[in-house]
Amino acid sequence: MNRRDFISAAVVSITSLNSSCEQIALPEGIQRDSASTHDKSAANPPPSVVADIQLDEFIELSQYLTGESKLDAEMGADYLQVLASHSEFAALIPRLMTKYRQIRKQHDVEAAIKSEIMADAILRIPAEQIIYLWYLAALYVSNPLDPTNSATGIWQYNAPQHYKDGLVWSVLRAHAPMSYGGPFGYWKDPPK
């Protein structure tokens, strides 16, 4: 599945009235704890999780995963923090970044990401979450009310200011619902 198809599927899934979403199943060797919700009080991830992760490398990987060349570094820092502090993804982010450091030196980085990250059952999980964060400002996590049910999952939105800046709205050429479309009075001018 190419990036656009993946993003289109994500957009359809969040705008669908059907509330049942397929949960990301963790592969063997990765354990999900019983309280696998994002702890909002955990403002900072453990230092060991992000110590070796450079923001510019995270942004660069994000650019490949999203297909967007201009990504905001402040949002990137926030998204790295969100991933590193989430119990479902904290252990996977360093593994993903280690793999990216190995393949970023290859001639065809996009092909290497497709074959060595997106085709890998474990590394694909945090890579998809990075895409979700940039496009939807949300993580797709296990349902805290039923964490053992692999047929359910929930969208967990993060900072409200990121919602309106999600890349999905530029793809759809629309402003985010429940957010303003421009400064006061913007509606008086015809669309461009």
N, C-alpha and C. Protein backbone atom coordinates (compact mmCIF):
# COMPACT_ATOMS: atom_id res chain seq x y z
N MET A 1 0.84 -1.16 0.00
CA MET A 1 0.00 0.00 0.00
C MET A 1 0.89 1.24 0.00
N ASN A 2 0.64 2.15 -0.93
CA ASN A 2 1.45 3.35 -0.95
C ASN A 2 0.97 4.34 0.10
N ARG A 3 1.74 5.41 0.30
CA ARG A 3 1.46 6.40 1.34
C ARG A 3 0.09 7.05 1.17
N ARG A 4 -0.25 7.42 -0.06
CA ARG A 4 -1.52 8.09 -0.29
C ARG A 4 -2.70 7.16 0.02
N ASP A 5 -2.58 5.88 -0.38
CA ASP A 5 -3.65 4.93 -0.07
C ASP A 5 -3.78 4.75 1.44
N PHE A 6 -2.64 4.69 2.12
CA PHE A 6 -2.65 4.53 3.57
C PHE A 6 -3.34 5.73 4.23
N ILE A 7 -2.97 6.93 3.79
CA ILE A 7 -3.54 8.14 4.37
C ILE A 7 -5.03 8.22 4.04
N SER A 8 -5.40 7.89 2.82
CA SER A 8 -6.82 7.90 2.44
C SER A 8 -7.61 6.95 3.32
N ALA A 9 -7.05 5.77 3.57
CA ALA A 9 -7.74 4.80 4.43
C ALA A 9 -7.88 5.36 5.85
N ALA A 10 -6.86 6.05 6.33
CA ALA A 10 -6.92 6.64 7.66
C ALA A 10 -8.00 7.72 7.72
N VAL A 11 -8.07 8.54 6.69
CA VAL A 11 -9.08 9.60 6.66
C VAL A 11 -10.47 9.00 6.63
N VAL A 12 -10.66 7.98 5.81
CA VAL A 12 -11.97 7.33 5.74
C VAL A 12 -12.34 6.75 7.09
N SER A 13 -11.38 6.14 7.76
CA SER A 13 -11.69 5.50 9.04
C SER A 13 -12.08 6.50 10.11
N ILE A 14 -11.49 7.70 10.11
CA ILE A 14 -11.86 8.65 11.16
C ILE A 14 -13.13 9.40 10.83
N THR A 15 -13.48 9.48 9.56
CA THR A 15 -14.70 10.19 9.22
C THR A 15 -15.90 9.26 9.10
N SER A 16 -15.64 7.99 9.18
CA SER A 16 -16.71 7.01 9.07
C SER A 16 -17.61 7.05 10.30
N LEU A 17 -18.88 6.82 10.11
CA LEU A 17 -19.81 6.76 11.24
C LEU A 17 -19.69 5.45 11.98
N ASN A 18 -19.07 4.48 11.33
CA ASN A 18 -18.87 3.19 11.98
C ASN A 18 -17.81 3.34 13.06
N SER A 19 -18.15 3.10 14.29
CA SER A 19 -17.22 3.34 15.39
C SER A 19 -16.24 2.20 15.63
N SER A 20 -16.43 1.08 14.96
CA SER A 20 -15.49 -0.01 15.21
C SER A 20 -14.31 0.12 14.27
N CYS A 21 -13.14 0.16 14.85
CA CYS A 21 -11.89 0.27 14.10
C CYS A 21 -11.03 -0.93 14.42
N GLU A 22 -10.24 -1.31 13.48
CA GLU A 22 -9.35 -2.44 13.72
C GLU A 22 -8.19 -1.98 14.58
N GLN A 23 -7.93 -2.71 15.66
CA GLN A 23 -6.85 -2.35 16.56
C GLN A 23 -5.52 -2.81 15.97
N ILE A 24 -4.51 -2.04 16.24
CA ILE A 24 -3.17 -2.45 15.83
C ILE A 24 -2.76 -3.59 16.73
N ALA A 25 -2.56 -4.74 16.16
CA ALA A 25 -2.18 -5.91 16.93
C ALA A 25 -0.66 -5.91 17.11
N LEU A 26 -0.22 -6.05 18.33
CA LEU A 26 1.20 -6.09 18.58
C LEU A 26 1.74 -7.47 18.25
N PRO A 27 2.89 -7.53 17.57
CA PRO A 27 3.47 -8.82 17.23
C PRO A 27 4.04 -9.52 18.46
N GLU A 28 4.36 -10.79 18.28
CA GLU A 28 4.95 -11.55 19.37
C GLU A 28 6.19 -10.85 19.88
N GLY A 29 6.39 -10.92 21.18
CA GLY A 29 7.57 -10.32 21.78
C GLY A 29 7.31 -8.92 22.31
N ILE A 30 6.21 -8.32 21.93
CA ILE A 30 5.86 -7.00 22.43
C ILE A 30 4.64 -7.16 23.33
N GLN A 31 4.77 -6.76 24.59
CA GLN A 31 3.69 -6.91 25.56
C GLN A 31 2.94 -5.60 25.70
N ARG A 32 1.65 -5.71 25.86
CA ARG A 32 0.80 -4.55 26.13
C ARG A 32 0.43 -4.62 27.61
N ASP A 33 0.67 -3.53 28.36
CA ASP A 33 0.32 -3.60 29.76
C ASP A 33 -1.18 -3.39 29.93
N SER A 34 -1.70 -3.75 31.10
CA SER A 34 -3.15 -3.70 31.31
C SER A 34 -3.68 -2.28 31.34
N ALA A 35 -2.88 -1.32 31.68
CA ALA A 35 -3.29 0.08 31.69
C ALA A 35 -2.57 0.80 30.56
N SER A 36 -2.90 0.44 29.34
CA SER A 36 -2.14 0.94 28.20
C SER A 36 -2.68 2.25 27.64
N THR A 37 -3.09 3.13 28.52
CA THR A 37 -3.52 4.44 28.06
C THR A 37 -2.40 5.43 28.27
N HIS A 38 -2.43 6.48 27.49
CA HIS A 38 -1.42 7.52 27.58
C HIS A 38 -1.61 8.28 28.89
N ASP A 39 -0.61 8.31 29.70
CA ASP A 39 -0.69 9.01 30.98
C ASP A 39 -0.44 10.49 30.74
N LYS A 40 -1.51 11.28 30.82
CA LYS A 40 -1.41 12.71 30.56
C LYS A 40 -0.49 13.39 31.57
N SER A 41 -0.31 12.80 32.74
CA SER A 41 0.56 13.42 33.74
C SER A 41 2.03 13.15 33.45
N ALA A 42 2.33 12.23 32.56
CA ALA A 42 3.72 11.93 32.23
C ALA A 42 4.20 12.94 31.19
N ALA A 43 4.56 14.12 31.66
CA ALA A 43 4.96 15.19 30.76
C ALA A 43 6.26 14.87 30.03
N ASN A 44 7.13 14.12 30.68
CA ASN A 44 8.41 13.80 30.08
C ASN A 44 8.61 12.30 30.06
N PRO A 45 9.01 11.76 28.90
CA PRO A 45 9.30 10.33 28.86
C PRO A 45 10.58 10.04 29.63
N PRO A 46 10.80 8.77 29.95
CA PRO A 46 12.05 8.42 30.60
C PRO A 46 13.23 8.88 29.74
N PRO A 47 14.27 9.46 30.36
CA PRO A 47 15.40 9.97 29.57
C PRO A 47 16.01 8.93 28.65
N SER A 48 15.98 7.66 29.04
CA SER A 48 16.58 6.62 28.21
C SER A 48 15.87 6.46 26.87
N VAL A 49 14.58 6.83 26.80
CA VAL A 49 13.81 6.64 25.57
C VAL A 49 14.24 7.64 24.50
N VAL A 50 14.42 8.90 24.87
CA VAL A 50 14.70 9.92 23.87
C VAL A 50 16.16 10.39 23.87
N ALA A 51 16.98 9.84 24.74
CA ALA A 51 18.35 10.31 24.87
C ALA A 51 19.13 10.23 23.56
N ASP A 52 18.94 9.16 22.82
CA ASP A 52 19.70 8.97 21.59
C ASP A 52 18.94 9.38 20.33
N ILE A 53 17.77 9.98 20.50
CA ILE A 53 16.97 10.36 19.34
C ILE A 53 17.16 11.84 19.08
N GLN A 54 17.67 12.15 17.90
CA GLN A 54 17.85 13.54 17.49
C GLN A 54 16.57 14.01 16.81
N LEU A 55 16.12 15.20 17.17
CA LEU A 55 14.89 15.74 16.60
C LEU A 55 14.99 15.84 15.08
N ASP A 56 16.14 16.27 14.56
CA ASP A 56 16.26 16.40 13.10
C ASP A 56 16.13 15.06 12.40
N GLU A 57 16.60 13.97 13.02
CA GLU A 57 16.42 12.64 12.45
C GLU A 57 14.95 12.22 12.49
N PHE A 58 14.27 12.53 13.58
CA PHE A 58 12.86 12.21 13.70
C PHE A 58 12.05 12.97 12.65
N ILE A 59 12.37 14.24 12.46
CA ILE A 59 11.69 15.06 11.44
C ILE A 59 11.97 14.49 10.05
N GLU A 60 13.21 14.12 9.81
CA GLU A 60 13.58 13.57 8.50
C GLU A 60 12.81 12.27 8.21
N LEU A 61 12.75 11.38 9.19
CA LEU A 61 11.97 10.15 9.02
C LEU A 61 10.50 10.49 8.80
N SER A 62 9.99 11.45 9.56
CA SER A 62 8.60 11.88 9.41
C SER A 62 8.33 12.40 8.00
N GLN A 63 9.29 13.11 7.43
CA GLN A 63 9.13 13.63 6.06
C GLN A 63 8.99 12.48 5.07
N TYR A 64 9.79 11.44 5.23
CA TYR A 64 9.67 10.28 4.35
C TYR A 64 8.33 9.57 4.55
N LEU A 65 7.93 9.41 5.80
CA LEU A 65 6.70 8.68 6.08
C LEU A 65 5.45 9.43 5.63
N THR A 66 5.46 10.75 5.74
CA THR A 66 4.28 11.54 5.39
C THR A 66 4.28 12.01 3.95
N GLY A 67 5.45 12.06 3.34
CA GLY A 67 5.55 12.60 1.98
C GLY A 67 5.55 14.12 1.96
N GLU A 68 5.67 14.74 3.12
CA GLU A 68 5.68 16.20 3.23
C GLU A 68 7.10 16.68 3.54
N SER A 69 7.56 17.66 2.80
CA SER A 69 8.93 18.13 3.00
C SER A 69 9.05 19.20 4.07
N LYS A 70 7.96 19.91 4.36
CA LYS A 70 8.01 20.98 5.36
C LYS A 70 7.17 20.59 6.57
N LEU A 71 7.86 20.17 7.62
CA LEU A 71 7.19 19.80 8.86
C LEU A 71 7.70 20.70 9.97
N ASP A 72 6.82 21.11 10.83
CA ASP A 72 7.15 22.02 11.91
C ASP A 72 7.97 21.31 12.99
N ALA A 73 9.13 21.86 13.32
CA ALA A 73 10.02 21.24 14.29
C ALA A 73 9.41 21.22 15.70
N GLU A 74 8.68 22.25 16.06
CA GLU A 74 8.06 22.28 17.39
C GLU A 74 7.00 21.19 17.51
N MET A 75 6.20 21.02 16.46
CA MET A 75 5.22 19.92 16.47
C MET A 75 5.95 18.58 16.50
N GLY A 76 7.03 18.47 15.76
CA GLY A 76 7.81 17.24 15.75
C GLY A 76 8.33 16.89 17.13
N ALA A 77 8.80 17.89 17.85
CA ALA A 77 9.28 17.66 19.22
C ALA A 77 8.13 17.19 20.11
N ASP A 78 6.96 17.81 19.94
CA ASP A 78 5.79 17.38 20.71
C ASP A 78 5.41 15.95 20.37
N TYR A 79 5.41 15.62 19.08
CA TYR A 79 5.01 14.27 18.66
C TYR A 79 6.00 13.22 19.15
N LEU A 80 7.29 13.53 19.11
CA LEU A 80 8.29 12.61 19.63
C LEU A 80 8.06 12.39 21.13
N GLN A 81 7.75 13.46 21.83
CA GLN A 81 7.47 13.38 23.27
C GLN A 81 6.24 12.51 23.54
N VAL A 82 5.19 12.69 22.75
CA VAL A 82 3.96 11.91 22.91
C VAL A 82 4.25 10.42 22.71
N LEU A 83 4.96 10.10 21.64
CA LEU A 83 5.27 8.69 21.36
C LEU A 83 6.15 8.08 22.44
N ALA A 84 7.17 8.83 22.85
CA ALA A 84 8.12 8.30 23.83
C ALA A 84 7.50 8.14 25.21
N SER A 85 6.44 8.89 25.50
CA SER A 85 5.82 8.78 26.83
C SER A 85 4.61 7.84 26.85
N HIS A 86 4.27 7.27 25.70
CA HIS A 86 3.12 6.37 25.63
C HIS A 86 3.57 4.93 25.86
N SER A 87 2.90 4.25 26.75
CA SER A 87 3.33 2.90 27.14
C SER A 87 3.33 1.90 25.98
N GLU A 88 2.47 2.10 24.99
CA GLU A 88 2.42 1.16 23.87
C GLU A 88 3.56 1.34 22.87
N PHE A 89 4.16 2.54 22.84
CA PHE A 89 5.12 2.84 21.77
C PHE A 89 6.51 3.23 22.25
N ALA A 90 6.67 3.51 23.54
CA ALA A 90 7.95 4.01 24.05
C ALA A 90 9.13 3.08 23.72
N ALA A 91 8.95 1.78 23.85
CA ALA A 91 10.04 0.85 23.60
C ALA A 91 10.32 0.67 22.10
N LEU A 92 9.34 1.02 21.27
CA LEU A 92 9.50 0.81 19.83
C LEU A 92 10.18 1.98 19.12
N ILE A 93 10.06 3.18 19.66
CA ILE A 93 10.63 4.36 19.00
C ILE A 93 12.16 4.26 18.87
N PRO A 94 12.91 3.90 19.92
CA PRO A 94 14.36 3.77 19.74
C PRO A 94 14.73 2.71 18.69
N ARG A 95 13.96 1.62 18.63
CA ARG A 95 14.24 0.58 17.63
C ARG A 95 14.00 1.12 16.23
N LEU A 96 12.92 1.87 16.07
CA LEU A 96 12.61 2.46 14.77
C LEU A 96 13.71 3.44 14.35
N MET A 97 14.14 4.28 15.26
CA MET A 97 15.16 5.27 14.92
C MET A 97 16.52 4.62 14.66
N THR A 98 16.83 3.56 15.36
CA THR A 98 18.08 2.83 15.08
C THR A 98 18.05 2.27 13.67
N LYS A 99 16.93 1.68 13.28
CA LYS A 99 16.79 1.14 11.92
C LYS A 99 16.88 2.28 10.90
N TYR A 100 16.24 3.41 11.18
CA TYR A 100 16.28 4.53 10.24
C TYR A 100 17.71 5.04 10.06
N ARG A 101 18.47 5.12 11.14
CA ARG A 101 19.88 5.55 11.02
C ARG A 101 20.67 4.63 10.10
N GLN A 102 20.35 3.35 10.12
CA GLN A 102 21.04 2.39 9.25
C GLN A 102 20.65 2.59 7.79
N ILE A 103 19.38 2.83 7.53
CA ILE A 103 18.93 2.88 6.13
C ILE A 103 19.01 4.27 5.52
N ARG A 104 19.17 5.31 6.32
CA ARG A 104 19.21 6.67 5.75
C ARG A 104 20.45 6.90 4.90
N LYS A 105 21.43 6.03 5.01
CA LYS A 105 22.66 6.14 4.22
C LYS A 105 22.54 5.43 2.87
N GLN A 106 21.45 4.69 2.68
CA GLN A 106 21.28 3.93 1.44
C GLN A 106 20.90 4.86 0.30
N HIS A 107 21.11 4.37 -0.92
CA HIS A 107 20.83 5.16 -2.12
C HIS A 107 19.35 5.48 -2.25
N ASP A 108 18.49 4.49 -2.07
CA ASP A 108 17.05 4.69 -2.21
C ASP A 108 16.39 4.53 -0.84
N VAL A 109 16.35 5.64 -0.09
CA VAL A 109 15.84 5.60 1.28
C VAL A 109 14.36 5.24 1.31
N GLU A 110 13.57 5.78 0.38
CA GLU A 110 12.13 5.47 0.36
C GLU A 110 11.89 3.97 0.19
N ALA A 111 12.61 3.35 -0.72
CA ALA A 111 12.45 1.91 -0.92
C ALA A 111 12.89 1.14 0.32
N ALA A 112 13.95 1.61 0.96
CA ALA A 112 14.43 0.95 2.17
C ALA A 112 13.42 1.09 3.31
N ILE A 113 12.79 2.24 3.42
CA ILE A 113 11.76 2.42 4.44
C ILE A 113 10.61 1.46 4.18
N LYS A 114 10.22 1.35 2.93
CA LYS A 114 9.12 0.45 2.58
C LYS A 114 9.47 -1.01 2.90
N SER A 115 10.68 -1.43 2.55
CA SER A 115 11.03 -2.84 2.72
C SER A 115 11.55 -3.19 4.11
N GLU A 116 12.16 -2.24 4.80
CA GLU A 116 12.77 -2.56 6.09
C GLU A 116 12.03 -2.01 7.31
N ILE A 117 11.14 -1.07 7.09
CA ILE A 117 10.35 -0.54 8.21
C ILE A 117 8.88 -0.90 8.04
N MET A 118 8.28 -0.49 6.93
CA MET A 118 6.85 -0.72 6.75
C MET A 118 6.51 -2.20 6.57
N ALA A 119 7.44 -2.98 6.09
CA ALA A 119 7.20 -4.41 5.92
C ALA A 119 7.53 -5.21 7.19
N ASP A 120 8.11 -4.56 8.16
CA ASP A 120 8.47 -5.21 9.42
C ASP A 120 7.30 -5.06 10.40
N ALA A 121 6.81 -6.17 10.91
CA ALA A 121 5.62 -6.16 11.77
C ALA A 121 5.80 -5.33 13.04
N ILE A 122 6.99 -5.26 13.56
CA ILE A 122 7.22 -4.49 14.79
C ILE A 122 7.48 -3.02 14.48
N LEU A 123 8.37 -2.73 13.52
CA LEU A 123 8.71 -1.35 13.22
C LEU A 123 7.58 -0.58 12.54
N ARG A 124 6.69 -1.31 11.90
CA ARG A 124 5.56 -0.66 11.24
C ARG A 124 4.64 0.04 12.24
N ILE A 125 4.54 -0.51 13.45
CA ILE A 125 3.64 0.05 14.47
C ILE A 125 4.00 1.50 14.80
N PRO A 126 5.23 1.80 15.22
CA PRO A 126 5.52 3.21 15.52
C PRO A 126 5.56 4.08 14.25
N ALA A 127 5.91 3.51 13.11
CA ALA A 127 5.91 4.28 11.86
C ALA A 127 4.49 4.73 11.52
N GLU A 128 3.52 3.85 11.68
CA GLU A 128 2.13 4.22 11.43
C GLU A 128 1.67 5.29 12.41
N GLN A 129 2.08 5.17 13.65
CA GLN A 129 1.69 6.16 14.65
C GLN A 129 2.26 7.55 14.31
N ILE A 130 3.46 7.59 13.76
CA ILE A 130 4.05 8.86 13.33
C ILE A 130 3.18 9.47 12.23
N ILE A 131 2.75 8.66 11.30
CA ILE A 131 1.88 9.14 10.22
C ILE A 131 0.56 9.65 10.79
N TYR A 132 -0.03 8.89 11.70
CA TYR A 132 -1.28 9.31 12.33
C TYR A 132 -1.11 10.65 13.05
N LEU A 133 -0.01 10.80 13.78
CA LEU A 133 0.20 12.04 14.51
C LEU A 133 0.29 13.24 13.58
N TRP A 134 1.08 13.12 12.52
CA TRP A 134 1.25 14.26 11.61
C TRP A 134 -0.03 14.57 10.84
N TYR A 135 -0.76 13.55 10.42
CA TYR A 135 -1.95 13.80 9.62
C TYR A 135 -3.19 14.06 10.47
N LEU A 136 -3.34 13.36 11.57
CA LEU A 136 -4.58 13.42 12.34
C LEU A 136 -4.41 14.01 13.74
N ALA A 137 -3.18 14.25 14.16
CA ALA A 137 -2.88 14.72 15.52
C ALA A 137 -3.42 13.75 16.56
N ALA A 138 -3.36 12.46 16.25
CA ALA A 138 -3.90 11.44 17.14
C ALA A 138 -3.09 10.16 17.06
N LEU A 139 -3.17 9.39 18.12
CA LEU A 139 -2.63 8.03 18.15
C LEU A 139 -3.80 7.07 18.06
N TYR A 140 -3.56 5.91 17.49
CA TYR A 140 -4.57 4.85 17.49
C TYR A 140 -4.11 3.82 18.50
N VAL A 141 -4.83 3.72 19.62
CA VAL A 141 -4.39 2.91 20.75
C VAL A 141 -5.45 1.89 21.13
N SER A 142 -5.04 0.95 21.97
CA SER A 142 -5.99 -0.04 22.44
C SER A 142 -7.04 0.64 23.32
N ASN A 143 -8.22 0.09 23.30
CA ASN A 143 -9.33 0.63 24.07
C ASN A 143 -9.11 0.32 25.55
N PRO A 144 -9.00 1.34 26.41
CA PRO A 144 -8.74 1.07 27.83
C PRO A 144 -9.88 0.31 28.51
N LEU A 145 -11.07 0.37 27.94
CA LEU A 145 -12.20 -0.36 28.53
C LEU A 145 -12.18 -1.83 28.14
N ASP A 146 -11.45 -2.16 27.09
CA ASP A 146 -11.37 -3.55 26.62
C ASP A 146 -10.02 -3.79 25.94
N PRO A 147 -8.91 -3.69 26.69
CA PRO A 147 -7.57 -3.76 26.07
C PRO A 147 -7.22 -5.11 25.45
N THR A 148 -7.95 -6.16 25.81
CA THR A 148 -7.63 -7.48 25.27
C THR A 148 -8.37 -7.78 23.97
N ASN A 149 -9.35 -6.95 23.62
CA ASN A 149 -10.13 -7.16 22.41
C ASN A 149 -9.40 -6.57 21.22
N SER A 150 -8.97 -7.42 20.31
CA SER A 150 -8.20 -6.95 19.16
C SER A 150 -9.07 -6.31 18.08
N ALA A 151 -10.39 -6.31 18.28
CA ALA A 151 -11.29 -5.73 17.28
C ALA A 151 -11.64 -4.27 17.57
N THR A 152 -11.16 -3.74 18.68
CA THR A 152 -11.48 -2.36 19.01
C THR A 152 -10.22 -1.56 19.24
N GLY A 153 -10.33 -0.31 19.07
CA GLY A 153 -9.26 0.63 19.33
C GLY A 153 -9.88 2.01 19.40
N ILE A 154 -9.13 2.97 19.88
CA ILE A 154 -9.66 4.32 19.94
C ILE A 154 -8.64 5.32 19.42
N TRP A 155 -9.15 6.42 18.92
CA TRP A 155 -8.29 7.53 18.51
C TRP A 155 -8.07 8.40 19.73
N GLN A 156 -6.82 8.63 20.06
CA GLN A 156 -6.47 9.45 21.21
C GLN A 156 -5.84 10.73 20.70
N TYR A 157 -6.60 11.81 20.77
CA TYR A 157 -6.11 13.10 20.27
C TYR A 157 -5.21 13.75 21.28
N ASN A 158 -4.29 14.52 20.80
CA ASN A 158 -3.30 15.16 21.65
C ASN A 158 -3.60 16.65 21.74
N ALA A 159 -2.61 17.49 21.66
CA ALA A 159 -2.77 18.92 21.85
C ALA A 159 -3.80 19.50 20.87
N PRO A 160 -4.77 20.24 21.38
CA PRO A 160 -5.82 20.81 20.51
C PRO A 160 -5.26 21.67 19.38
N GLN A 161 -4.19 22.40 19.61
CA GLN A 161 -3.63 23.24 18.56
C GLN A 161 -3.08 22.40 17.40
N HIS A 162 -2.72 21.16 17.66
CA HIS A 162 -2.21 20.29 16.59
C HIS A 162 -3.34 19.77 15.71
N TYR A 163 -4.53 19.63 16.28
CA TYR A 163 -5.67 19.11 15.52
C TYR A 163 -5.93 19.96 14.27
N LYS A 164 -6.00 21.25 14.46
CA LYS A 164 -6.30 22.13 13.32
C LYS A 164 -5.13 22.21 12.33
N ASP A 165 -3.93 21.85 12.77
CA ASP A 165 -2.75 21.90 11.90
C ASP A 165 -2.41 20.55 11.29
N GLY A 166 -3.24 19.54 11.52
CA GLY A 166 -2.98 18.21 10.95
C GLY A 166 -2.89 18.27 9.43
N LEU A 167 -2.01 17.48 8.87
CA LEU A 167 -1.79 17.47 7.42
C LEU A 167 -3.01 17.02 6.64
N VAL A 168 -3.91 16.29 7.27
CA VAL A 168 -5.09 15.78 6.58
C VAL A 168 -5.93 16.93 6.01
N TRP A 169 -5.95 18.06 6.70
CA TRP A 169 -6.81 19.17 6.26
C TRP A 169 -6.26 19.81 4.99
N SER A 170 -4.95 19.83 4.82
CA SER A 170 -4.41 20.36 3.56
C SER A 170 -4.64 19.38 2.41
N VAL A 171 -4.62 18.08 2.71
CA VAL A 171 -4.91 17.08 1.68
C VAL A 171 -6.37 17.20 1.24
N LEU A 172 -7.26 17.42 2.21
CA LEU A 172 -8.69 17.55 1.91
C LEU A 172 -9.05 18.96 1.41
N ARG A 173 -8.11 19.88 1.53
CA ARG A 173 -8.34 21.29 1.17
C ARG A 173 -9.53 21.85 1.94
N ALA A 174 -9.50 21.64 3.24
CA ALA A 174 -10.57 22.10 4.12
C ALA A 174 -9.95 22.49 5.46
N HIS A 175 -10.68 23.24 6.24
CA HIS A 175 -10.21 23.51 7.60
C HIS A 175 -10.81 22.45 8.52
N ALA A 176 -10.16 22.27 9.63
CA ALA A 176 -10.60 21.25 10.58
C ALA A 176 -11.98 21.60 11.13
N PRO A 177 -12.89 20.62 11.17
CA PRO A 177 -14.19 20.88 11.79
C PRO A 177 -14.01 21.37 13.22
N MET A 178 -14.91 22.22 13.64
CA MET A 178 -14.91 22.80 14.98
C MET A 178 -13.71 23.70 15.23
N SER A 179 -13.11 24.21 14.16
CA SER A 179 -12.05 25.20 14.29
C SER A 179 -12.38 26.33 13.31
N TYR A 180 -11.79 27.45 13.53
CA TYR A 180 -12.07 28.57 12.64
C TYR A 180 -11.34 28.36 11.31
N GLY A 181 -11.92 28.90 10.25
CA GLY A 181 -11.33 28.75 8.92
C GLY A 181 -10.44 29.91 8.53
N GLY A 182 -10.37 30.91 9.37
CA GLY A 182 -9.54 32.08 9.11
C GLY A 182 -9.85 33.16 10.11
N PRO A 183 -9.27 34.34 9.93
CA PRO A 183 -9.53 35.43 10.87
C PRO A 183 -10.97 35.93 10.74
N PHE A 184 -11.42 36.68 11.72
CA PHE A 184 -12.78 37.19 11.72
C PHE A 184 -13.07 37.89 10.39
N GLY A 185 -14.19 37.53 9.79
CA GLY A 185 -14.62 38.14 8.53
C GLY A 185 -14.09 37.45 7.29
N TYR A 186 -13.35 36.35 7.44
CA TYR A 186 -12.76 35.69 6.28
C TYR A 186 -13.82 35.21 5.28
N TRP A 187 -15.04 34.98 5.75
CA TRP A 187 -16.11 34.43 4.93
C TRP A 187 -16.69 35.44 3.94
N LYS A 188 -16.38 36.72 4.09
CA LYS A 188 -16.94 37.71 3.20
C LYS A 188 -16.31 37.66 1.79
N ASP A 189 -15.10 37.14 1.70
CA ASP A 189 -14.41 37.05 0.41
C ASP A 189 -14.69 35.71 -0.24
N PRO A 190 -14.85 35.69 -1.58
CA PRO A 190 -15.06 34.40 -2.25
C PRO A 190 -13.82 33.50 -2.10
N PRO A 191 -14.02 32.19 -2.15
CA PRO A 191 -12.87 31.26 -2.04
C PRO A 191 -11.89 31.49 -3.19
N LYS A 192 -10.65 31.20 -2.91
CA LYS A 192 -9.60 31.34 -3.94
C LYS A 192 -9.34 30.05 -4.63
